[in-house]
PDB file of N, CA and C in Angstrom:
ATOM      1  N   UNK A   1       0.872  -1.128   0.034  1.00  0.00           N
ATOM      2  CA  UNK A   1       0.460   0.314   0.074  1.00  0.00           C
ATOM      3  C   UNK A   1       0.750   1.315  -0.068  1.00  0.00           C
ATOM      4  N   UNK A   2       2.063   1.195   0.542  1.00  0.00           N
ATOM      5  CA  UNK A   2       2.729   2.210   0.560  1.00  0.00           C
ATOM      6  C   UNK A   2       3.516   2.968  -0.841  1.00  0.00           C
ATOM      7  N   UNK A   3       3.506   1.631  -2.014  1.00  0.00           N
ATOM      8  CA  UNK A   3       3.585   2.591  -3.452  1.00  0.00           C
ATOM      9  C   UNK A   3       2.330   3.676  -3.721  1.00  0.00           C
ATOM     10  N   UNK A   4       0.834   3.265  -3.069  1.00  0.00           N
ATOM     11  CA  UNK A   4      -0.123   3.780  -3.390  1.00  0.00           C
ATOM     12  C   UNK A   4      -0.241   5.597  -3.219  1.00  0.00           C
ATOM     13  N   UNK A   5       0.650   5.202  -1.742  1.00  0.00           N
ATOM     14  CA  UNK A   5       0.727   7.140  -1.294  1.00  0.00           C
ATOM     15  C   UNK A   5       1.108   8.188  -2.714  1.00  0.00           C
ATOM     16  N   UNK A   6       1.828   7.485  -2.828  1.00  0.00           N
ATOM     17  CA  UNK A   6       2.198   8.532  -4.069  1.00  0.00           C
ATOM     18  C   UNK A   6       0.959   9.137  -5.304  1.00  0.00           C
ATOM     19  N   UNK A   7       0.929   7.666  -5.443  1.00  0.00           N
ATOM     20  CA  UNK A   7      -0.367   7.917  -6.916  1.00  0.00           C
ATOM     21  C   UNK A   7      -1.936   8.501  -6.434  1.00  0.00           C
ATOM     22  N   UNK A   8      -1.479   7.679  -4.866  1.00  0.00           N
ATOM     23  CA  UNK A   8      -3.099   8.621  -4.187  1.00  0.00           C
ATOM     24  C   UNK A   8      -2.936   9.259  -3.082  1.00  0.00           C
ATOM     25  N   UNK A   9      -1.834  10.486  -3.467  1.00  0.00           N
ATOM     26  CA  UNK A   9      -2.173  11.059  -1.920  1.00  0.00           C
ATOM     27  C   UNK A   9      -3.591  11.901  -1.160  1.00  0.00           C
ATOM     28  N   UNK A  10      -3.296  11.948   0.153  1.00  0.00           N
ATOM     29  CA  UNK A  10      -4.579  12.475   1.199  1.00  0.00           C
ATOM     30  C   UNK A  10      -5.410  11.306   1.702  1.00  0.00           C
ATOM     31  N   UNK A  11      -4.819   9.769   1.051  1.00  0.00           N
ATOM     32  CA  UNK A  11      -5.616   8.257   1.936  1.00  0.00           C
ATOM     33  C   UNK A  11      -4.651   7.966   2.961  1.00  0.00           C
ATOM     34  N   UNK A  12      -3.257   8.681   2.717  1.00  0.00           N
ATOM     35  CA  UNK A  12      -2.324   7.902   3.717  1.00  0.00           C
ATOM     36  C   UNK A  12      -2.089   6.562   3.617  1.00  0.00           C
ATOM     37  N   UNK A  13      -2.082   6.055   2.660  1.00  0.00           N
ATOM     38  CA  UNK A  13      -2.433   4.078   2.266  1.00  0.00           C
ATOM     39  C   UNK A  13      -1.555   3.900   3.339  1.00  0.00           C
ATOM     40  N   UNK A  14      -0.148   4.290   3.385  1.00  0.00           N
ATOM     41  CA  UNK A  14       1.137   3.658   3.670  1.00  0.00           C
ATOM     42  C   UNK A  14       1.233   3.750   5.558  1.00  0.00           C
ATOM     43  N   UNK A  15      -0.122   4.589   5.934  1.00  0.00           N
ATOM     44  CA  UNK A  15       0.266   4.223   7.842  1.00  0.00           C
ATOM     45  C   UNK A  15      -0.779   3.638   8.805  1.00  0.00           C
ATOM     46  N   UNK A  16      -1.645   2.869   7.620  1.00  0.00           N
ATOM     47  CA  UNK A  16      -2.865   2.423   8.309  1.00  0.00           C
ATOM     48  C   UNK A  16      -3.144   0.849   7.161  1.00  0.00           C
ATOM     49  N   UNK A  17      -3.819   0.127   7.657  1.00  0.00           N
ATOM     50  CA  UNK A  17      -4.262  -1.212   7.742  1.00  0.00           C
ATOM     51  C   UNK A  17      -5.611  -1.899   7.052  1.00  0.00           C
ATOM     52  N   UNK A  18      -6.563  -0.520   6.972  1.00  0.00           N
ATOM     53  CA  UNK A  18      -8.151  -0.277   6.568  1.00  0.00           C
ATOM     54  C   UNK A  18      -9.112   0.778   6.601  1.00  0.00           C
ATOM     55  N   UNK A  19     -10.343   0.573   5.563  1.00  0.00           N
ATOM     56  CA  UNK A  19     -11.115   1.574   5.867  1.00  0.00           C
ATOM     57  C   UNK A  19     -11.815   2.087   8.012  1.00  0.00           C
ATOM     58  N   UNK A  20     -11.263   1.356   8.066  1.00  0.00           N
ATOM     59  CA  UNK A  20     -11.750   1.451   9.506  1.00  0.00           C
ATOM     60  C   UNK A  20     -11.061   2.480  10.279  1.00  0.00           C
ATOM     61  N   UNK A  21     -10.169   2.786  10.114  1.00  0.00           N
ATOM     62  CA  UNK A  21      -9.194   4.062  10.477  1.00  0.00           C
ATOM     63  C   UNK A  21      -9.942   5.931  10.149  1.00  0.00           C
ATOM     64  N   UNK A  22      -9.914   6.048  11.447  1.00  0.00           N
ATOM     65  CA  UNK A  22     -10.849   7.004  10.837  1.00  0.00           C
ATOM     66  C   UNK A  22     -10.425   8.649   9.751  1.00  0.00           C
ATOM     67  N   UNK A  23      -9.334   8.263   9.951  1.00  0.00           N
ATOM     68  CA  UNK A  23      -8.293   9.777   8.860  1.00  0.00           C
ATOM     69  C   UNK A  23      -8.573   8.467   7.456  1.00  0.00           C
ATOM     70  N   UNK A  24      -8.716   7.585   6.992  1.00  0.00           N
ATOM     71  CA  UNK A  24      -9.160   6.996   5.638  1.00  0.00           C
ATOM     72  C   UNK A  24     -10.319   7.471   5.665  1.00  0.00           C
ATOM     73  N   UNK A  25     -11.180   6.840   6.135  1.00  0.00           N
ATOM     74  CA  UNK A  25     -12.828   7.013   6.053  1.00  0.00           C
ATOM     75  C   UNK A  25     -12.695   9.340   5.784  1.00  0.00           C
ATOM     76  N   UNK A  26     -12.273   9.874   6.279  1.00  0.00           N
ATOM     77  CA  UNK A  26     -12.599  11.074   6.439  1.00  0.00           C
ATOM     78  C   UNK A  26     -11.913  10.831   4.900  1.00  0.00           C
ATOM     79  N   UNK A  27     -10.518  11.077   4.533  1.00  0.00           N
ATOM     80  CA  UNK A  27     -10.331  10.867   3.089  1.00  0.00           C
ATOM     81  C   UNK A  27     -10.725  10.356   1.980  1.00  0.00           C
ATOM     82  N   UNK A  28     -11.395   9.708   1.913  1.00  0.00           N
ATOM     83  CA  UNK A  28     -12.776   9.281   0.921  1.00  0.00           C
ATOM     84  C   UNK A  28     -13.434   9.521   0.938  1.00  0.00           C
ATOM     85  N   UNK A  29     -14.470  10.613   2.243  1.00  0.00           N
ATOM     86  CA  UNK A  29     -15.560  11.493   2.143  1.00  0.00           C
ATOM     87  C   UNK A  29     -15.095  12.840   1.280  1.00  0.00           C
ATOM     88  N   UNK A  30     -13.531  13.116   1.712  1.00  0.00           N
ATOM     89  CA  UNK A  30     -13.486  14.427   1.623  1.00  0.00           C
ATOM     90  C   UNK A  30     -13.138  14.017  -0.363  1.00  0.00           C
ATOM     91  N   UNK A  31     -12.284  12.941  -0.629  1.00  0.00           N
ATOM     92  CA  UNK A  31     -11.945  12.950  -2.238  1.00  0.00           C
ATOM     93  C   UNK A  31     -12.377  12.609  -2.878  1.00  0.00           C
ATOM     94  N   UNK A  32     -12.875  10.981  -2.318  1.00  0.00           N
ATOM     95  CA  UNK A  32     -13.701  10.319  -3.180  1.00  0.00           C
ATOM     96  C   UNK A  32     -12.852   9.112  -3.409  1.00  0.00           C
ATOM     97  N   UNK A  33     -13.435   8.164  -3.906  1.00  0.00           N
ATOM     98  CA  UNK A  33     -13.323   6.578  -3.667  1.00  0.00           C
ATOM     99  C   UNK A  33     -11.734   6.820  -4.960  1.00  0.00           C
ATOM    100  N   UNK A  34     -11.008   5.558  -4.799  1.00  0.00           N
ATOM    101  CA  UNK A  34     -10.390   5.521  -5.896  1.00  0.00           C
ATOM    102  C   UNK A  34     -10.274   3.925  -6.398  1.00  0.00           C
ATOM    103  N   UNK A  35      -9.521   3.919  -7.699  1.00  0.00           N
ATOM    104  CA  UNK A  35      -9.737   2.376  -8.391  1.00  0.00           C
ATOM    105  C   UNK A  35      -9.529   1.438  -7.162  1.00  0.00           C
ATOM    106  N   UNK A  36      -8.866   1.254  -6.487  1.00  0.00           N
ATOM    107  CA  UNK A  36      -7.896   0.594  -5.291  1.00  0.00           C
ATOM    108  C   UNK A  36      -9.440   0.254  -4.377  1.00  0.00           C
ATOM    109  N   UNK A  37     -10.694   0.858  -4.310  1.00  0.00           N
ATOM    110  CA  UNK A  37     -11.262   0.912  -2.975  1.00  0.00           C
ATOM    111  C   UNK A  37     -12.201  -0.331  -3.660  1.00  0.00           C
ATOM    112  N   UNK A  38     -12.955  -1.079  -2.641  1.00  0.00           N
ATOM    113  CA  UNK A  38     -13.757  -1.976  -3.060  1.00  0.00           C
ATOM    114  C   UNK A  38     -15.445  -1.010  -2.930  1.00  0.00           C
ATOM    115  N   UNK A  39     -16.385  -1.349  -3.844  1.00  0.00           N
ATOM    116  CA  UNK A  39     -17.093  -0.579  -3.403  1.00  0.00           C
ATOM    117  C   UNK A  39     -18.346  -1.825  -3.422  1.00  0.00           C
ATOM    118  N   UNK A  40     -17.623  -3.085  -3.283  1.00  0.00           N
ATOM    119  CA  UNK A  40     -18.605  -4.111  -2.684  1.00  0.00           C
ATOM    120  C   UNK A  40     -18.507  -3.969  -1.251  1.00  0.00           C
ATOM    121  N   UNK A  41     -17.507  -3.325  -0.812  1.00  0.00           N
ATOM    122  CA  UNK A  41     -18.106  -3.644   0.701  1.00  0.00           C
ATOM    123  C   UNK A  41     -18.561  -2.523   1.372  1.00  0.00           C
ATOM    124  N   UNK A  42     -19.484  -2.891   2.340  1.00  0.00           N
ATOM    125  CA  UNK A  42     -20.498  -2.062   3.129  1.00  0.00           C
ATOM    126  C   UNK A  42     -20.386  -0.482   2.765  1.00  0.00           C
ATOM    127  N   UNK A  43     -19.680  -0.655   3.572  1.00  0.00           N
ATOM    128  CA  UNK A  43     -19.526   1.534   3.601  1.00  0.00           C
ATOM    129  C   UNK A  43     -18.963   1.820   2.610  1.00  0.00           C
ATOM    130  N   UNK A  44     -18.663   1.061   1.864  1.00  0.00           N
ATOM    131  CA  UNK A  44     -18.279   2.147   0.135  1.00  0.00           C
ATOM    132  C   UNK A  44     -19.462   2.313  -0.834  1.00  0.00           C
ATOM    133  N   UNK A  45     -20.533   1.281  -0.499  1.00  0.00           N
ATOM    134  CA  UNK A  45     -21.237   1.052  -1.578  1.00  0.00           C
ATOM    135  C   UNK A  45     -22.247   2.182  -2.192  1.00  0.00           C
ATOM    136  N   UNK A  46     -22.308   2.873  -0.949  1.00  0.00           N
ATOM    137  CA  UNK A  46     -22.553   4.069  -1.073  1.00  0.00           C
ATOM    138  C   UNK A  46     -22.104   4.844  -2.421  1.00  0.00           C
ATOM    139  N   UNK A  47     -20.898   4.760  -2.120  1.00  0.00           N
ATOM    140  CA  UNK A  47     -19.743   5.387  -3.947  1.00  0.00           C
ATOM    141  C   UNK A  47     -19.827   4.994  -4.790  1.00  0.00           C
ATOM    142  N   UNK A  48     -20.749   4.058  -4.976  1.00  0.00           N
ATOM    143  CA  UNK A  48     -20.762   2.753  -6.650  1.00  0.00           C
ATOM    144  C   UNK A  48     -21.515   3.585  -7.046  1.00  0.00           C
ATOM    145  N   UNK A  49     -22.293   3.784  -7.132  1.00  0.00           N
ATOM    146  CA  UNK A  49     -23.425   4.902  -8.136  1.00  0.00           C
ATOM    147  C   UNK A  49     -23.057   5.944  -8.810  1.00  0.00           C
ATOM    148  N   UNK A  50     -22.606   6.865  -7.596  1.00  0.00           N
ATOM    149  CA  UNK A  50     -21.629   8.087  -7.701  1.00  0.00           C
ATOM    150  C   UNK A  50     -20.463   8.008  -8.088  1.00  0.00           C
ATOM    151  N   UNK A  51     -19.742   7.345  -8.084  1.00  0.00           N
ATOM    152  CA  UNK A  51     -18.419   6.669  -9.772  1.00  0.00           C
ATOM    153  C   UNK A  51     -18.820   5.982 -10.391  1.00  0.00           C
ATOM    154  N   UNK A  52     -19.752   5.445 -10.837  1.00  0.00           N
ATOM    155  CA  UNK A  52     -21.112   5.079 -12.103  1.00  0.00           C
ATOM    156  C   UNK A  52     -21.149   6.519 -12.821  1.00  0.00           C
ATOM    157  N   UNK A  53     -21.949   7.109 -12.164  1.00  0.00           N
ATOM    158  CA  UNK A  53     -22.115   9.053 -12.483  1.00  0.00           C
ATOM    159  C   UNK A  53     -21.045   9.496 -12.718  1.00  0.00           C
ATOM    160  N   UNK A  54     -19.768   9.248 -12.280  1.00  0.00           N
ATOM    161  CA  UNK A  54     -18.841  10.323 -12.395  1.00  0.00           C
ATOM    162  C   UNK A  54     -18.291   9.919 -13.737  1.00  0.00           C
ATOM    163  N   UNK A  55     -17.954   8.638 -14.641  1.00  0.00           N
ATOM    164  CA  UNK A  55     -17.295   8.117 -15.566  1.00  0.00           C
ATOM    165  C   UNK A  55     -18.086   7.711 -16.660  1.00  0.00           C
ATOM    166  N   UNK A  56     -19.405   8.506 -16.477  1.00  0.00           N
ATOM    167  CA  UNK A  56     -21.048   8.717 -17.688  1.00  0.00           C
ATOM    168  C   UNK A  56     -20.643  10.112 -17.709  1.00  0.00           C
ATOM    169  N   UNK A  57     -19.644  11.095 -17.398  1.00  0.00           N
ATOM    170  CA  UNK A  57     -20.318  12.066 -17.571  1.00  0.00           C
ATOM    171  C   UNK A  57     -18.622  13.018 -18.312  1.00  0.00           C
ATOM    172  N   UNK A  58     -19.071  13.296 -19.504  1.00  0.00           N
ATOM    173  CA  UNK A  58     -17.926  14.282 -19.661  1.00  0.00           C
ATOM    174  C   UNK A  58     -17.451  15.158 -18.793  1.00  0.00           C
ATOM    175  N   UNK A  59     -16.066  15.747 -19.419  1.00  0.00           N
ATOM    176  CA  UNK A  59     -15.183  17.112 -18.438  1.00  0.00           C
ATOM    177  C   UNK A  59     -16.151  18.159 -18.659  1.00  0.00           C
ATOM    178  N   UNK A  60     -16.960  18.947 -19.061  1.00  0.00           N
ATOM    179  CA  UNK A  60     -18.033  19.811 -18.874  1.00  0.00           C
ATOM    180  C   UNK A  60     -19.253  19.680 -18.093  1.00  0.00           C
ATOM    181  N   UNK A  61     -18.933  18.287 -17.714  1.00  0.00           N
ATOM    182  CA  UNK A  61     -20.398  17.809 -16.580  1.00  0.00           C
ATOM    183  C   UNK A  61     -21.457  17.386 -17.800  1.00  0.00           C
ATOM    184  N   UNK A  62     -21.391  17.294 -18.935  1.00  0.00           N
ATOM    185  CA  UNK A  62     -22.009  17.003 -19.490  1.00  0.00           C
ATOM    186  C   UNK A  62     -22.311  15.150 -19.578  1.00  0.00           C
ATOM    187  N   UNK A  63     -23.318  14.576 -19.964  1.00  0.00           N
ATOM    188  CA  UNK A  63     -23.471  13.143 -19.955  1.00  0.00           C
ATOM    189  C   UNK A  63     -23.728  12.963 -21.258  1.00  0.00           C
TER     190      UNK A  63
END
């Protein structure tokens, strides 16, 4: 996970072991999910629809 710290700054991947860490949960709330996050994990399921919608939107915000 330490290697992912450089790719996804702000999540502090190198200093914790999972979603239960308050700092990581706050980062997800503030920054959203990354491709590393399992959206099938119950606490992250709420982001599945948000992520799908953002992938269907162009740079100008139009679908």
